[in-house]
Each structure stands twice: as C-alpha cells, then as structure tokens.
Amino acid sequence: MDDYQIDETVDITDVVCPVTFVKAKVALEELSEGQILAIRLNDGEPVQNVPRSMKEEGHKVLKLIDNTDSTYTLIVRKAGE
C-alpha cells in the first residue's frame, strides 16, 4: 500500500508537448507544499518529458503507473517554494 493520498488530479491526455508540462505545472501551482497531484498523460513524449521536467522543477516523483491503455498516471508531491 502506498503511503500517500492524492489531493488533486489533472488529465492532460488531450494536449501535446510542450503544453502537457505547462498544464501539469499550473495544476501543481494550485496546490500547497507537500500535497500530491495525480497527472494522467499519454505514452510517448509526455511520459518521457513531464516526469523529467517535474524533477527539474524540484518536485518529488512518487510513482509512474502504467494504466495499460496507452496512458500513464504520474504521482507527484509538490516541493516547497
């Protein structure tokens, strides 16, 4: 069992890079430090770029879940400002 509770979810499967990261970042900015965001994203560029970009921004990638339908769910904990 994972030791986190998801505070918010955003689905970015309807957009393409680089808008995927922008939408994910905006959703994360609305959360408080330490809160958890679940990001549903497509396979390919989004799943390669969004987790890396989140780490570069200083956030903690907790998990990447393969939904087995060509999408993934990325679980991210917001870092402090």
PDB file of N, CA and C in Angstrom:
ATOM      1  N   MET A   1       0.844  -1.193   0.000  1.00  0.00           N
ATOM      2  CA  MET A   1       0.000   0.000   0.000  1.00  0.00           C
ATOM      3  C   MET A   1       0.884   1.249   0.000  1.00  0.00           C
ATOM      4  N   ASP A   2       0.562   2.181  -0.854  1.00  0.00           N
ATOM      5  CA  ASP A   2       1.342   3.408  -0.931  1.00  0.00           C
ATOM      6  C   ASP A   2       0.977   4.329   0.222  1.00  0.00           C
ATOM      7  N   ASP A   3       1.955   5.109   0.690  1.00  0.00           N
ATOM      8  CA  ASP A   3       1.738   5.960   1.858  1.00  0.00           C
ATOM      9  C   ASP A   3       1.503   7.414   1.473  1.00  0.00           C
ATOM     10  N   TYR A   4       0.557   7.625   0.576  1.00  0.00           N
ATOM     11  CA  TYR A   4       0.191   8.985   0.184  1.00  0.00           C
ATOM     12  C   TYR A   4      -1.274   9.016  -0.213  1.00  0.00           C
ATOM     13  N   GLN A   5      -1.836  10.208  -0.116  1.00  0.00           N
ATOM     14  CA  GLN A   5      -3.221  10.418  -0.524  1.00  0.00           C
ATOM     15  C   GLN A   5      -3.223  11.481  -1.604  1.00  0.00           C
ATOM     16  N   ILE A   6      -3.895  11.214  -2.702  1.00  0.00           N
ATOM     17  CA  ILE A   6      -3.928  12.155  -3.820  1.00  0.00           C
ATOM     18  C   ILE A   6      -4.868  13.309  -3.485  1.00  0.00           C
ATOM     19  N   ASP A   7      -4.340  14.534  -3.610  1.00  0.00           N
ATOM     20  CA  ASP A   7      -5.120  15.733  -3.298  1.00  0.00           C
ATOM     21  C   ASP A   7      -5.852  16.285  -4.511  1.00  0.00           C
ATOM     22  N   GLU A   8      -5.280  16.096  -5.698  1.00  0.00           N
ATOM     23  CA  GLU A   8      -5.877  16.649  -6.918  1.00  0.00           C
ATOM     24  C   GLU A   8      -5.450  15.784  -8.102  1.00  0.00           C
ATOM     25  N   THR A   9      -6.281  15.782  -9.132  1.00  0.00           N
ATOM     26  CA  THR A   9      -5.984  15.018 -10.348  1.00  0.00           C
ATOM     27  C   THR A   9      -6.176  15.922 -11.553  1.00  0.00           C
ATOM     28  N   VAL A  10      -5.276  15.778 -12.530  1.00  0.00           N
ATOM     29  CA  VAL A  10      -5.408  16.526 -13.776  1.00  0.00           C
ATOM     30  C   VAL A  10      -5.186  15.541 -14.933  1.00  0.00           C
ATOM     31  N   ASP A  11      -6.023  15.664 -15.956  1.00  0.00           N
ATOM     32  CA  ASP A  11      -5.927  14.810 -17.145  1.00  0.00           C
ATOM     33  C   ASP A  11      -5.384  15.659 -18.287  1.00  0.00           C
ATOM     34  N   ILE A  12      -4.180  15.329 -18.750  1.00  0.00           N
ATOM     35  CA  ILE A  12      -3.572  16.095 -19.845  1.00  0.00           C
ATOM     36  C   ILE A  12      -3.431  15.237 -21.102  1.00  0.00           C
ATOM     37  N   THR A  13      -4.283  14.223 -21.223  1.00  0.00           N
ATOM     38  CA  THR A  13      -4.222  13.348 -22.391  1.00  0.00           C
ATOM     39  C   THR A  13      -4.757  14.031 -23.648  1.00  0.00           C
ATOM     40  N   ASP A  14      -5.406  15.180 -23.489  1.00  0.00           N
ATOM     41  CA  ASP A  14      -5.992  15.874 -24.635  1.00  0.00           C
ATOM     42  C   ASP A  14      -5.084  16.952 -25.214  1.00  0.00           C
ATOM     43  N   VAL A  15      -3.858  17.076 -24.695  1.00  0.00           N
ATOM     44  CA  VAL A  15      -2.932  18.093 -25.199  1.00  0.00           C
ATOM     45  C   VAL A  15      -1.601  17.452 -25.574  1.00  0.00           C
ATOM     46  N   VAL A  16      -0.781  18.189 -26.331  1.00  0.00           N
ATOM     47  CA  VAL A  16       0.518  17.674 -26.771  1.00  0.00           C
ATOM     48  C   VAL A  16       1.645  18.516 -26.186  1.00  0.00           C
ATOM     49  N   CYS A  17       2.840  17.964 -26.185  1.00  0.00           N
ATOM     50  CA  CYS A  17       4.024  18.686 -25.690  1.00  0.00           C
ATOM     51  C   CYS A  17       4.242  19.937 -26.521  1.00  0.00           C
ATOM     52  N   PRO A  18       4.677  21.041 -25.943  1.00  0.00           N
ATOM     53  CA  PRO A  18       5.054  21.246 -24.547  1.00  0.00           C
ATOM     54  C   PRO A  18       3.891  21.673 -23.652  1.00  0.00           C
ATOM     55  N   VAL A  19       2.683  21.721 -24.181  1.00  0.00           N
ATOM     56  CA  VAL A  19       1.541  22.151 -23.381  1.00  0.00           C
ATOM     57  C   VAL A  19       1.267  21.176 -22.236  1.00  0.00           C
ATOM     58  N   THR A  20       1.644  19.912 -22.406  1.00  0.00           N
ATOM     59  CA  THR A  20       1.429  18.925 -21.349  1.00  0.00           C
ATOM     60  C   THR A  20       2.091  19.372 -20.049  1.00  0.00           C
ATOM     61  N   PHE A  21       3.352  19.782 -20.119  1.00  0.00           N
ATOM     62  CA  PHE A  21       4.059  20.205 -18.906  1.00  0.00           C
ATOM     63  C   PHE A  21       3.459  21.488 -18.353  1.00  0.00           C
ATOM     64  N   VAL A  22       3.085  22.398 -19.223  1.00  0.00           N
ATOM     65  CA  VAL A  22       2.504  23.669 -18.775  1.00  0.00           C
ATOM     66  C   VAL A  22       1.229  23.405 -17.982  1.00  0.00           C
ATOM     67  N   LYS A  23       0.345  22.555 -18.506  1.00  0.00           N
ATOM     68  CA  LYS A  23      -0.908  22.248 -17.803  1.00  0.00           C
ATOM     69  C   LYS A  23      -0.643  21.548 -16.479  1.00  0.00           C
ATOM     70  N   ALA A  24       0.321  20.634 -16.462  1.00  0.00           N
ATOM     71  CA  ALA A  24       0.669  19.922 -15.227  1.00  0.00           C
ATOM     72  C   ALA A  24       1.251  20.895 -14.206  1.00  0.00           C
ATOM     73  N   LYS A  25       2.104  21.805 -14.665  1.00  0.00           N
ATOM     74  CA  LYS A  25       2.732  22.773 -13.760  1.00  0.00           C
ATOM     75  C   LYS A  25       1.688  23.713 -13.163  1.00  0.00           C
ATOM     76  N   VAL A  26       0.746  24.173 -13.970  1.00  0.00           N
ATOM     77  CA  VAL A  26      -0.313  25.062 -13.484  1.00  0.00           C
ATOM     78  C   VAL A  26      -1.152  24.341 -12.419  1.00  0.00           C
ATOM     79  N   ALA A  27      -1.479  23.097 -12.665  1.00  0.00           N
ATOM     80  CA  ALA A  27      -2.262  22.330 -11.687  1.00  0.00           C
ATOM     81  C   ALA A  27      -1.487  22.170 -10.385  1.00  0.00           C
ATOM     82  N   LEU A  28      -0.180  21.939 -10.484  1.00  0.00           N
ATOM     83  CA  LEU A  28       0.648  21.773  -9.291  1.00  0.00           C
ATOM     84  C   LEU A  28       0.778  23.077  -8.522  1.00  0.00           C
ATOM     85  N   GLU A  29       0.837  24.206  -9.238  1.00  0.00           N
ATOM     86  CA  GLU A  29       0.958  25.508  -8.588  1.00  0.00           C
ATOM     87  C   GLU A  29      -0.249  25.835  -7.714  1.00  0.00           C
ATOM     88  N   GLU A  30      -1.393  25.236  -8.016  1.00  0.00           N
ATOM     89  CA  GLU A  30      -2.601  25.484  -7.240  1.00  0.00           C
ATOM     90  C   GLU A  30      -2.616  24.727  -5.914  1.00  0.00           C
ATOM     91  N   LEU A  31      -1.682  23.799  -5.739  1.00  0.00           N
ATOM     92  CA  LEU A  31      -1.607  23.011  -4.519  1.00  0.00           C
ATOM     93  C   LEU A  31      -0.650  23.638  -3.517  1.00  0.00           C
ATOM     94  N   SER A  32      -0.774  23.218  -2.271  1.00  0.00           N
ATOM     95  CA  SER A  32       0.142  23.659  -1.224  1.00  0.00           C
ATOM     96  C   SER A  32       1.346  22.723  -1.187  1.00  0.00           C
ATOM     97  N   GLU A  33       2.413  23.206  -0.585  1.00  0.00           N
ATOM     98  CA  GLU A  33       3.625  22.400  -0.432  1.00  0.00           C
ATOM     99  C   GLU A  33       3.285  21.069   0.234  1.00  0.00           C
ATOM    100  N   GLY A  34       3.814  19.989  -0.341  1.00  0.00           N
ATOM    101  CA  GLY A  34       3.611  18.661   0.216  1.00  0.00           C
ATOM    102  C   GLY A  34       2.373  17.942  -0.276  1.00  0.00           C
ATOM    103  N   GLN A  35       1.484  18.642  -0.979  1.00  0.00           N
ATOM    104  CA  GLN A  35       0.291  17.981  -1.497  1.00  0.00           C
ATOM    105  C   GLN A  35       0.652  17.132  -2.711  1.00  0.00           C
ATOM    106  N   ILE A  36      -0.234  16.198  -3.034  1.00  0.00           N
ATOM    107  CA  ILE A  36       0.017  15.208  -4.080  1.00  0.00           C
ATOM    108  C   ILE A  36      -0.902  15.452  -5.276  1.00  0.00           C
ATOM    109  N   LEU A  37      -0.297  15.451  -6.460  1.00  0.00           N
ATOM    110  CA  LEU A  37      -1.039  15.601  -7.716  1.00  0.00           C
ATOM    111  C   LEU A  37      -0.891  14.334  -8.539  1.00  0.00           C
ATOM    112  N   ALA A  38      -2.008  13.843  -9.054  1.00  0.00           N
ATOM    113  CA  ALA A  38      -2.004  12.724  -9.999  1.00  0.00           C
ATOM    114  C   ALA A  38      -2.215  13.309 -11.388  1.00  0.00           C
ATOM    115  N   ILE A  39      -1.310  13.002 -12.303  1.00  0.00           N
ATOM    116  CA  ILE A  39      -1.369  13.540 -13.661  1.00  0.00           C
ATOM    117  C   ILE A  39      -1.547  12.378 -14.629  1.00  0.00           C
ATOM    118  N   ARG A  40      -2.664  12.380 -15.346  1.00  0.00           N
ATOM    119  CA  ARG A  40      -2.891  11.339 -16.361  1.00  0.00           C
ATOM    120  C   ARG A  40      -2.334  11.861 -17.680  1.00  0.00           C
ATOM    121  N   LEU A  41      -1.424  11.096 -18.293  1.00  0.00           N
ATOM    122  CA  LEU A  41      -0.781  11.545 -19.517  1.00  0.00           C
ATOM    123  C   LEU A  41      -0.618  10.399 -20.495  1.00  0.00           C
ATOM    124  N   ASN A  42      -0.404  10.757 -21.738  1.00  0.00           N
ATOM    125  CA  ASN A  42      -0.249   9.775 -22.810  1.00  0.00           C
ATOM    126  C   ASN A  42       1.157   9.185 -22.825  1.00  0.00           C
ATOM    127  N   ASP A  43       1.244   8.025 -23.464  1.00  0.00           N
ATOM    128  CA  ASP A  43       2.530   7.392 -23.721  1.00  0.00           C
ATOM    129  C   ASP A  43       3.291   8.255 -24.734  1.00  0.00           C
ATOM    130  N   GLY A  44       4.582   8.035 -24.856  1.00  0.00           N
ATOM    131  CA  GLY A  44       5.396   8.788 -25.818  1.00  0.00           C
ATOM    132  C   GLY A  44       6.051   9.992 -25.180  1.00  0.00           C
ATOM    133  N   GLU A  45       6.055  11.109 -25.896  1.00  0.00           N
ATOM    134  CA  GLU A  45       6.716  12.316 -25.401  1.00  0.00           C
ATOM    135  C   GLU A  45       6.239  12.757 -24.011  1.00  0.00           C
ATOM    136  N   PRO A  46       4.929  12.801 -23.750  1.00  0.00           N
ATOM    137  CA  PRO A  46       4.502  13.253 -22.423  1.00  0.00           C
ATOM    138  C   PRO A  46       5.082  12.418 -21.280  1.00  0.00           C
ATOM    139  N   VAL A  47       5.055  11.102 -21.415  1.00  0.00           N
ATOM    140  CA  VAL A  47       5.537  10.257 -20.326  1.00  0.00           C
ATOM    141  C   VAL A  47       7.064  10.323 -20.198  1.00  0.00           C
ATOM    142  N   GLN A  48       7.741  10.728 -21.254  1.00  0.00           N
ATOM    143  CA  GLN A  48       9.188  10.906 -21.192  1.00  0.00           C
ATOM    144  C   GLN A  48       9.544  12.271 -20.610  1.00  0.00           C
ATOM    145  N   ASN A  49       8.812  13.301 -20.994  1.00  0.00           N
ATOM    146  CA  ASN A  49       9.186  14.674 -20.653  1.00  0.00           C
ATOM    147  C   ASN A  49       8.604  15.208 -19.344  1.00  0.00           C
ATOM    148  N   VAL A  50       7.349  14.912 -19.057  1.00  0.00           N
ATOM    149  CA  VAL A  50       6.713  15.505 -17.876  1.00  0.00           C
ATOM    150  C   VAL A  50       7.382  15.054 -16.572  1.00  0.00           C
ATOM    151  N   PRO A  51       7.628  13.750 -16.369  1.00  0.00           N
ATOM    152  CA  PRO A  51       8.311  13.369 -15.117  1.00  0.00           C
ATOM    153  C   PRO A  51       9.684  14.023 -14.968  1.00  0.00           C
ATOM    154  N   ARG A  52      10.448  14.077 -16.042  1.00  0.00           N
ATOM    155  CA  ARG A  52      11.773  14.706 -16.000  1.00  0.00           C
ATOM    156  C   ARG A  52      11.653  16.190 -15.660  1.00  0.00           C
ATOM    157  N   SER A  53      10.709  16.865 -16.275  1.00  0.00           N
ATOM    158  CA  SER A  53      10.514  18.295 -16.017  1.00  0.00           C
ATOM    159  C   SER A  53      10.071  18.544 -14.582  1.00  0.00           C
ATOM    160  N   MET A  54       9.232  17.675 -14.039  1.00  0.00           N
ATOM    161  CA  MET A  54       8.795  17.822 -12.645  1.00  0.00           C
ATOM    162  C   MET A  54       9.998  17.710 -11.700  1.00  0.00           C
ATOM    163  N   LYS A  55      10.868  16.743 -11.969  1.00  0.00           N
ATOM    164  CA  LYS A  55      12.071  16.578 -11.144  1.00  0.00           C
ATOM    165  C   LYS A  55      12.969  17.803 -11.258  1.00  0.00           C
ATOM    166  N   GLU A  56      13.126  18.320 -12.480  1.00  0.00           N
ATOM    167  CA  GLU A  56      13.960  19.508 -12.693  1.00  0.00           C
ATOM    168  C   GLU A  56      13.411  20.719 -11.941  1.00  0.00           C
ATOM    169  N   GLU A  57      12.100  20.774 -11.762  1.00  0.00           N
ATOM    170  CA  GLU A  57      11.458  21.867 -11.018  1.00  0.00           C
ATOM    171  C   GLU A  57      11.610  21.670  -9.507  1.00  0.00           C
ATOM    172  N   GLY A  58      12.135  20.511  -9.104  1.00  0.00           N
ATOM    173  CA  GLY A  58      12.366  20.241  -7.693  1.00  0.00           C
ATOM    174  C   GLY A  58      11.275  19.441  -7.003  1.00  0.00           C
ATOM    175  N   HIS A  59      10.271  19.000  -7.755  1.00  0.00           N
ATOM    176  CA  HIS A  59       9.185  18.224  -7.168  1.00  0.00           C
ATOM    177  C   HIS A  59       9.582  16.756  -7.073  1.00  0.00           C
ATOM    178  N   LYS A  60       8.893  16.014  -6.233  1.00  0.00           N
ATOM    179  CA  LYS A  60       9.209  14.612  -5.989  1.00  0.00           C
ATOM    180  C   LYS A  60       8.264  13.715  -6.779  1.00  0.00           C
ATOM    181  N   VAL A  61       8.800  12.965  -7.732  1.00  0.00           N
ATOM    182  CA  VAL A  61       8.003  11.989  -8.470  1.00  0.00           C
ATOM    183  C   VAL A  61       7.907  10.743  -7.599  1.00  0.00           C
ATOM    184  N   LEU A  62       6.703  10.428  -7.167  1.00  0.00           N
ATOM    185  CA  LEU A  62       6.490   9.295  -6.269  1.00  0.00           C
ATOM    186  C   LEU A  62       6.286   7.986  -7.014  1.00  0.00           C
ATOM    187  N   LYS A  63       5.579   8.070  -8.141  1.00  0.00           N
ATOM    188  CA  LYS A  63       5.246   6.841  -8.850  1.00  0.00           C
ATOM    189  C   LYS A  63       4.788   7.154 -10.271  1.00  0.00           C
ATOM    190  N   LEU A  64       5.057   6.222 -11.181  1.00  0.00           N
ATOM    191  CA  LEU A  64       4.542   6.295 -12.547  1.00  0.00           C
ATOM    192  C   LEU A  64       3.813   4.984 -12.792  1.00  0.00           C
ATOM    193  N   ILE A  65       2.517   5.077 -13.003  1.00  0.00           N
ATOM    194  CA  ILE A  65       1.669   3.891 -13.136  1.00  0.00           C
ATOM    195  C   ILE A  65       1.256   3.711 -14.592  1.00  0.00           C
ATOM    196  N   ASP A  66       1.493   2.522 -15.135  1.00  0.00           N
ATOM    197  CA  ASP A  66       1.056   2.181 -16.487  1.00  0.00           C
ATOM    198  C   ASP A  66      -0.407   1.758 -16.403  1.00  0.00           C
ATOM    199  N   ASN A  67      -1.284   2.523 -17.027  1.00  0.00           N
ATOM    200  CA  ASN A  67      -2.716   2.230 -16.988  1.00  0.00           C
ATOM    201  C   ASN A  67      -3.140   1.159 -17.990  1.00  0.00           C
ATOM    202  N   THR A  68      -2.188   0.652 -18.764  1.00  0.00           N
ATOM    203  CA  THR A  68      -2.392  -0.394 -19.783  1.00  0.00           C
ATOM    204  C   THR A  68      -3.377  -0.008 -20.891  1.00  0.00           C
ATOM    205  N   ASP A  69      -3.581   1.303 -21.092  1.00  0.00           N
ATOM    206  CA  ASP A  69      -4.437   1.769 -22.186  1.00  0.00           C
ATOM    207  C   ASP A  69      -3.728   2.883 -22.964  1.00  0.00           C
ATOM    208  N   SER A  70      -2.399   2.799 -23.004  1.00  0.00           N
ATOM    209  CA  SER A  70      -1.545   3.803 -23.653  1.00  0.00           C
ATOM    210  C   SER A  70      -1.515   5.122 -22.889  1.00  0.00           C
ATOM    211  N   THR A  71      -1.957   5.105 -21.624  1.00  0.00           N
ATOM    212  CA  THR A  71      -1.825   6.275 -20.761  1.00  0.00           C
ATOM    213  C   THR A  71      -1.107   5.855 -19.482  1.00  0.00           C
ATOM    214  N   TYR A  72      -0.599   6.853 -18.783  1.00  0.00           N
ATOM    215  CA  TYR A  72       0.084   6.643 -17.513  1.00  0.00           C
ATOM    216  C   TYR A  72      -0.479   7.623 -16.499  1.00  0.00           C
ATOM    217  N   THR A  73      -0.315   7.307 -15.227  1.00  0.00           N
ATOM    218  CA  THR A  73      -0.643   8.233 -14.162  1.00  0.00           C
ATOM    219  C   THR A  73       0.636   8.516 -13.395  1.00  0.00           C
ATOM    220  N   LEU A  74       1.018   9.780 -13.390  1.00  0.00           N
ATOM    221  CA  LEU A  74       2.215  10.230 -12.703  1.00  0.00           C
ATOM    222  C   LEU A  74       1.790  10.830 -11.366  1.00  0.00           C
ATOM    223  N   ILE A  75       2.391  10.352 -10.279  1.00  0.00           N
ATOM    224  CA  ILE A  75       2.069  10.834  -8.947  1.00  0.00           C
ATOM    225  C   ILE A  75       3.232  11.720  -8.473  1.00  0.00           C
ATOM    226  N   VAL A  76       2.935  12.998  -8.186  1.00  0.00           N
ATOM    227  CA  VAL A  76       3.971  13.979  -7.857  1.00  0.00           C
ATOM    228  C   VAL A  76       3.635  14.696  -6.534  1.00  0.00           C
ATOM    229  N   ARG A  77       4.651  14.833  -5.662  1.00  0.00           N
ATOM    230  CA  ARG A  77       4.487  15.618  -4.429  1.00  0.00           C
ATOM    231  C   ARG A  77       5.090  16.991  -4.674  1.00  0.00           C
ATOM    232  N   LYS A  78       4.295  18.035  -4.391  1.00  0.00           N
ATOM    233  CA  LYS A  78       4.759  19.405  -4.613  1.00  0.00           C
ATOM    234  C   LYS A  78       5.863  19.769  -3.630  1.00  0.00           C
ATOM    235  N   ALA A  79       6.930  20.333  -4.161  1.00  0.00           N
ATOM    236  CA  ALA A  79       8.045  20.779  -3.341  1.00  0.00           C
ATOM    237  C   ALA A  79       7.752  22.165  -2.759  1.00  0.00           C
ATOM    238  N   GLY A  80       8.532  22.552  -1.781  1.00  0.00           N
ATOM    239  CA  GLY A  80       8.398  23.879  -1.189  1.00  0.00           C
ATOM    240  C   GLY A  80       8.829  24.956  -2.151  1.00  0.00           C
ATOM    241  N   GLU A  81       8.332  26.138  -1.919  1.00  0.00           N
ATOM    242  CA  GLU A  81       8.645  27.284  -2.795  1.00  0.00           C
ATOM    243  C   GLU A  81      10.058  27.774  -2.568  1.00  0.00           C
TER     244      GLU A  81
END
